[in-house]
């Protein structure tokens, strides 16, 4: 399917849930190579073989991710980020200082704010 930037890779299939024909996007050329499009199509075919609609499954996963983000506060997200970054820091003391500073000065002000809230920080 031609677009302004090129062509779209698509997988055409019949939904096992509704019996209707559907087109699933696999990416656009040249950003997505044919090898990547084939991998995505293979993954979607496996989902189809399992009796599920890959588009519906993707939508459910996106909804679940949105709900998880909506429940996430700034403090929780920052602590998760700290756990990911901590092994990369050479100095353990610096890693402890990083989170300690946030706990002292930032968390009391905006730690309980939801991540999906407006980005404007007003006390």
C-alpha atoms as a PDB file:
ATOM      1  CA  UNK A   1       0.000   0.000   0.000  1.00  0.00           C
ATOM      2  CA  UNK A   2       1.728   3.233  -1.106  1.00  0.00           C
ATOM      3  CA  UNK A   3       2.129   6.093   1.356  1.00  0.00           C
ATOM      4  CA  UNK A   4       3.942   9.435   1.189  1.00  0.00           C
ATOM      5  CA  UNK A   5       7.121   7.865   2.542  1.00  0.00           C
ATOM      6  CA  UNK A   6       6.993   4.584   0.640  1.00  0.00           C
ATOM      7  CA  UNK A   7       5.051   1.374   0.995  1.00  0.00           C
ATOM      8  CA  UNK A   8       3.608  -0.439   3.979  1.00  0.00           C
ATOM      9  CA  UNK A   9       4.322  -4.062   4.742  1.00  0.00           C
ATOM     10  CA  UNK A  10       1.026  -5.725   5.604  1.00  0.00           C
ATOM     11  CA  UNK A  11      -0.205  -9.151   6.586  1.00  0.00           C
ATOM     12  CA  UNK A  12      -3.655  -9.981   5.286  1.00  0.00           C
ATOM     13  CA  UNK A  13      -5.535 -12.621   7.248  1.00  0.00           C
ATOM     14  CA  UNK A  14      -8.997 -13.770   8.239  1.00  0.00           C
ATOM     15  CA  UNK A  15      -9.760 -13.160  11.895  1.00  0.00           C
ATOM     16  CA  UNK A  16     -10.546 -16.408  13.717  1.00  0.00           C
ATOM     17  CA  UNK A  17     -12.780 -14.416  16.084  1.00  0.00           C
ATOM     18  CA  UNK A  18     -14.999 -12.611  13.571  1.00  0.00           C
ATOM     19  CA  UNK A  19     -14.305 -14.405  10.293  1.00  0.00           C
ATOM     20  CA  UNK A  20     -13.627 -11.069   8.601  1.00  0.00           C
ATOM     21  CA  UNK A  21     -10.593 -10.153   6.529  1.00  0.00           C
ATOM     22  CA  UNK A  22      -8.095  -7.898   8.298  1.00  0.00           C
ATOM     23  CA  UNK A  23      -4.867  -6.163   7.325  1.00  0.00           C
ATOM     24  CA  UNK A  24      -2.160  -5.866   9.980  1.00  0.00           C
ATOM     25  CA  UNK A  25       0.607  -3.328   9.503  1.00  0.00           C
ATOM     26  CA  UNK A  26       4.145  -4.655   9.765  1.00  0.00           C
ATOM     27  CA  UNK A  27       5.976  -1.369   9.167  1.00  0.00           C
ATOM     28  CA  UNK A  28       6.865   0.921   6.277  1.00  0.00           C
ATOM     29  CA  UNK A  29       9.574   0.589   3.687  1.00  0.00           C
ATOM     30  CA  UNK A  30      12.464   1.531   3.917  1.00  0.00           C
ATOM     31  CA  UNK A  31      12.331   1.987   7.732  1.00  0.00           C
ATOM     32  CA  UNK A  32      11.335  -1.670   8.148  1.00  0.00           C
ATOM     33  CA  UNK A  33      13.369  -4.195   6.200  1.00  0.00           C
ATOM     34  CA  UNK A  34      11.744  -7.166   4.528  1.00  0.00           C
ATOM     35  CA  UNK A  35      13.476  -9.456   7.037  1.00  0.00           C
ATOM     36  CA  UNK A  36      11.928  -7.546   9.968  1.00  0.00           C
ATOM     37  CA  UNK A  37       8.519  -7.597   8.284  1.00  0.00           C
ATOM     38  CA  UNK A  38       8.810 -11.371   7.818  1.00  0.00           C
ATOM     39  CA  UNK A  39       9.664 -11.836  11.504  1.00  0.00           C
ATOM     40  CA  UNK A  40       6.640  -9.781  12.550  1.00  0.00           C
ATOM     41  CA  UNK A  41       4.413 -11.709  10.123  1.00  0.00           C
ATOM     42  CA  UNK A  42       5.698 -15.024  11.483  1.00  0.00           C
ATOM     43  CA  UNK A  43       4.925 -13.923  15.047  1.00  0.00           C
ATOM     44  CA  UNK A  44       1.419 -12.896  13.980  1.00  0.00           C
ATOM     45  CA  UNK A  45       0.879 -16.210  12.188  1.00  0.00           C
ATOM     46  CA  UNK A  46       1.769 -18.045  15.395  1.00  0.00           C
ATOM     47  CA  UNK A  47      -0.884 -16.023  17.206  1.00  0.00           C
ATOM     48  CA  UNK A  48      -3.368 -16.891  14.444  1.00  0.00           C
ATOM     49  CA  UNK A  49      -2.460 -20.576  14.753  1.00  0.00           C
ATOM     50  CA  UNK A  50      -3.294 -20.289  18.453  1.00  0.00           C
ATOM     51  CA  UNK A  51      -6.815 -19.128  17.540  1.00  0.00           C
ATOM     52  CA  UNK A  52      -6.445 -15.459  18.453  1.00  0.00           C
ATOM     53  CA  UNK A  53      -6.539 -12.276  16.393  1.00  0.00           C
ATOM     54  CA  UNK A  54      -3.091 -10.579  16.492  1.00  0.00           C
ATOM     55  CA  UNK A  55      -4.563  -7.089  16.190  1.00  0.00           C
ATOM     56  CA  UNK A  56      -6.956  -7.705  19.080  1.00  0.00           C
ATOM     57  CA  UNK A  57      -4.110  -9.151  21.148  1.00  0.00           C
ATOM     58  CA  UNK A  58      -1.936  -6.109  20.431  1.00  0.00           C
ATOM     59  CA  UNK A  59      -4.799  -3.809  21.460  1.00  0.00           C
ATOM     60  CA  UNK A  60      -5.275  -5.722  24.737  1.00  0.00           C
ATOM     61  CA  UNK A  61      -1.542  -5.453  25.471  1.00  0.00           C
ATOM     62  CA  UNK A  62      -1.595  -1.705  24.798  1.00  0.00           C
ATOM     63  CA  UNK A  63      -4.589  -1.253  27.112  1.00  0.00           C
ATOM     64  CA  UNK A  64      -2.865  -3.226  29.866  1.00  0.00           C
ATOM     65  CA  UNK A  65       0.282  -1.117  29.474  1.00  0.00           C
ATOM     66  CA  UNK A  66      -1.755   2.098  29.611  1.00  0.00           C
ATOM     67  CA  UNK A  67      -3.495   0.929  32.784  1.00  0.00           C
ATOM     68  CA  UNK A  68      -0.148   0.020  34.363  1.00  0.00           C
ATOM     69  CA  UNK A  69       1.262   3.460  33.526  1.00  0.00           C
ATOM     70  CA  UNK A  70      -1.859   5.177  34.842  1.00  0.00           C
ATOM     71  CA  UNK A  71      -1.368   3.453  38.206  1.00  0.00           C
ATOM     72  CA  UNK A  72       2.340   4.308  38.351  1.00  0.00           C
ATOM     73  CA  UNK A  73       3.433   7.231  40.500  1.00  0.00           C
ATOM     74  CA  UNK A  74       6.536   9.335  39.990  1.00  0.00           C
ATOM     75  CA  UNK A  75       8.196   7.785  43.049  1.00  0.00           C
ATOM     76  CA  UNK A  76       7.546   4.198  41.918  1.00  0.00           C
ATOM     77  CA  UNK A  77       8.761   4.909  38.395  1.00  0.00           C
ATOM     78  CA  UNK A  78      11.900   6.595  39.713  1.00  0.00           C
ATOM     79  CA  UNK A  79      12.679   3.668  42.016  1.00  0.00           C
ATOM     80  CA  UNK A  80      12.302   1.244  39.094  1.00  0.00           C
ATOM     81  CA  UNK A  81      14.622   3.402  36.986  1.00  0.00           C
ATOM     82  CA  UNK A  82      17.140   3.480  39.836  1.00  0.00           C
ATOM     83  CA  UNK A  83      17.141  -0.341  40.002  1.00  0.00           C
ATOM     84  CA  UNK A  84      17.886  -0.474  36.271  1.00  0.00           C
ATOM     85  CA  UNK A  85      20.639   2.154  36.385  1.00  0.00           C
ATOM     86  CA  UNK A  86      22.316   1.036  39.622  1.00  0.00           C
ATOM     87  CA  UNK A  87      24.396  -1.840  38.144  1.00  0.00           C
ATOM     88  CA  UNK A  88      25.919   0.548  35.594  1.00  0.00           C
ATOM     89  CA  UNK A  89      27.285   2.946  38.188  1.00  0.00           C
ATOM     90  CA  UNK A  90      30.838   2.248  39.287  1.00  0.00           C
ATOM     91  CA  UNK A  91      30.457   3.930  42.668  1.00  0.00           C
ATOM     92  CA  UNK A  92      27.848   2.425  45.024  1.00  0.00           C
ATOM     93  CA  UNK A  93      27.903   5.546  47.159  1.00  0.00           C
ATOM     94  CA  UNK A  94      26.876   7.695  44.186  1.00  0.00           C
ATOM     95  CA  UNK A  95      24.003   5.318  43.413  1.00  0.00           C
ATOM     96  CA  UNK A  96      22.775   5.652  46.991  1.00  0.00           C
ATOM     97  CA  UNK A  97      23.121   9.447  46.875  1.00  0.00           C
ATOM     98  CA  UNK A  98      21.097   9.653  43.670  1.00  0.00           C
ATOM     99  CA  UNK A  99      17.990   8.029  45.128  1.00  0.00           C
ATOM    100  CA  UNK A 100      18.506   9.607  48.563  1.00  0.00           C
ATOM    101  CA  UNK A 101      18.454  13.095  47.060  1.00  0.00           C
ATOM    102  CA  UNK A 102      15.194  12.349  45.296  1.00  0.00           C
ATOM    103  CA  UNK A 103      13.672  10.891  48.465  1.00  0.00           C
ATOM    104  CA  UNK A 104      14.644  13.982  50.451  1.00  0.00           C
ATOM    105  CA  UNK A 105      13.746  16.788  48.073  1.00  0.00           C
ATOM    106  CA  UNK A 106      11.526  15.545  45.243  1.00  0.00           C
ATOM    107  CA  UNK A 107       9.321  12.722  46.527  1.00  0.00           C
ATOM    108  CA  UNK A 108       7.696  14.818  49.286  1.00  0.00           C
ATOM    109  CA  UNK A 109       6.559  17.338  46.641  1.00  0.00           C
ATOM    110  CA  UNK A 110       5.630  15.224  43.595  1.00  0.00           C
ATOM    111  CA  UNK A 111       6.303  11.599  44.544  1.00  0.00           C
ATOM    112  CA  UNK A 112       2.613  10.666  44.720  1.00  0.00           C
ATOM    113  CA  UNK A 113       1.679  12.206  41.363  1.00  0.00           C
ATOM    114  CA  UNK A 114       0.532   9.825  38.671  1.00  0.00           C
ATOM    115  CA  UNK A 115       2.717   9.649  35.575  1.00  0.00           C
ATOM    116  CA  UNK A 116      -0.234  10.219  33.273  1.00  0.00           C
ATOM    117  CA  UNK A 117      -1.058  13.511  35.042  1.00  0.00           C
ATOM    118  CA  UNK A 118      -0.307  16.797  33.347  1.00  0.00           C
ATOM    119  CA  UNK A 119       3.411  17.498  33.147  1.00  0.00           C
ATOM    120  CA  UNK A 120       3.134  20.972  34.684  1.00  0.00           C
ATOM    121  CA  UNK A 121       4.656  20.873  38.163  1.00  0.00           C
ATOM    122  CA  UNK A 122       2.794  23.230  40.429  1.00  0.00           C
ATOM    123  CA  UNK A 123       3.181  22.785  44.202  1.00  0.00           C
END
